[in-house]
Amino acid sequence: FHCPFPICREAFARRYNLKTHFSARHAQIKSYICEECGRSFARRYDLNRH
C-alpha cells in the first residue's frame, strides 16, 4: 500500500499501517489524548510511551 500524498514515497505491507502513517504525518489527526496533561498523539504507542 503506497501513500497517496504526492511527495511521500512510503509504502506499507498493511493497510492499517498506511492509515496510521497518513493520519500522523499528513492529516495530523491526533486521536489519543493523555488524561493527565492533555497532550495528543496520532498513535496509541506514542501515548503509552509518553
Protein backbone atom coordinates (compact mmCIF):
# COMPACT_ATOMS: atom_id res chain seq x y z
CA PHE A 1 0.00 0.00 0.00
CA HIS A 2 1.58 3.24 -1.17
CA CYS A 3 0.95 6.60 0.46
CA PRO A 4 -1.22 8.79 -1.81
CA PHE A 5 0.42 12.02 -0.63
CA PRO A 6 2.22 13.48 -3.70
CA ILE A 7 5.76 13.84 -2.34
CA CYS A 8 5.70 10.88 0.05
CA ARG A 9 7.37 7.65 -1.08
CA GLU A 10 6.35 5.50 1.89
CA ALA A 11 4.85 2.05 1.31
CA PHE A 12 3.38 -0.41 3.78
CA ALA A 13 2.54 -4.10 3.90
CA ARG A 14 -0.72 -3.48 5.76
CA ARG A 15 -3.50 -1.01 5.04
CA TYR A 16 -3.76 -0.18 8.77
CA ASN A 17 -0.13 0.99 8.81
CA LEU A 18 -0.78 3.25 5.82
CA LYS A 19 -3.84 4.68 7.56
CA THR A 20 -1.84 5.38 10.72
CA HIS A 21 1.02 6.91 8.73
CA PHE A 22 -1.31 9.17 6.78
CA SER A 23 -3.14 10.33 9.90
CA ALA A 24 0.06 11.05 11.77
CA ARG A 25 2.19 12.59 9.03
CA HIS A 26 -0.13 14.22 6.56
CA ALA A 27 -3.56 14.78 8.12
CA GLN A 28 -2.17 15.48 11.59
CA ILE A 29 -5.07 13.63 13.24
CA LYS A 30 -4.25 13.02 16.89
CA SER A 31 -6.89 10.80 18.45
CA TYR A 32 -5.00 9.61 21.53
CA ILE A 33 -5.04 12.18 24.35
CA CYS A 34 -3.15 11.99 27.63
CA GLU A 35 -5.62 12.26 30.51
CA GLU A 36 -3.00 13.83 32.77
CA CYS A 37 -1.54 16.63 30.65
CA GLY A 38 -3.84 16.88 27.62
CA ARG A 39 -1.12 16.27 25.03
CA SER A 40 -2.37 14.40 21.97
CA PHE A 41 -0.78 11.75 19.76
CA ALA A 42 -1.55 10.11 16.44
CA ARG A 43 -0.58 6.62 17.63
CA ARG A 44 -1.50 4.73 20.79
CA TYR A 45 2.10 3.55 21.02
CA ASP A 46 3.30 7.15 21.31
CA LEU A 47 0.73 7.91 24.02
CA ASN A 48 1.78 4.84 26.00
CA ARG A 49 5.45 5.76 25.64
CA HIS A 50 4.67 9.32 26.82
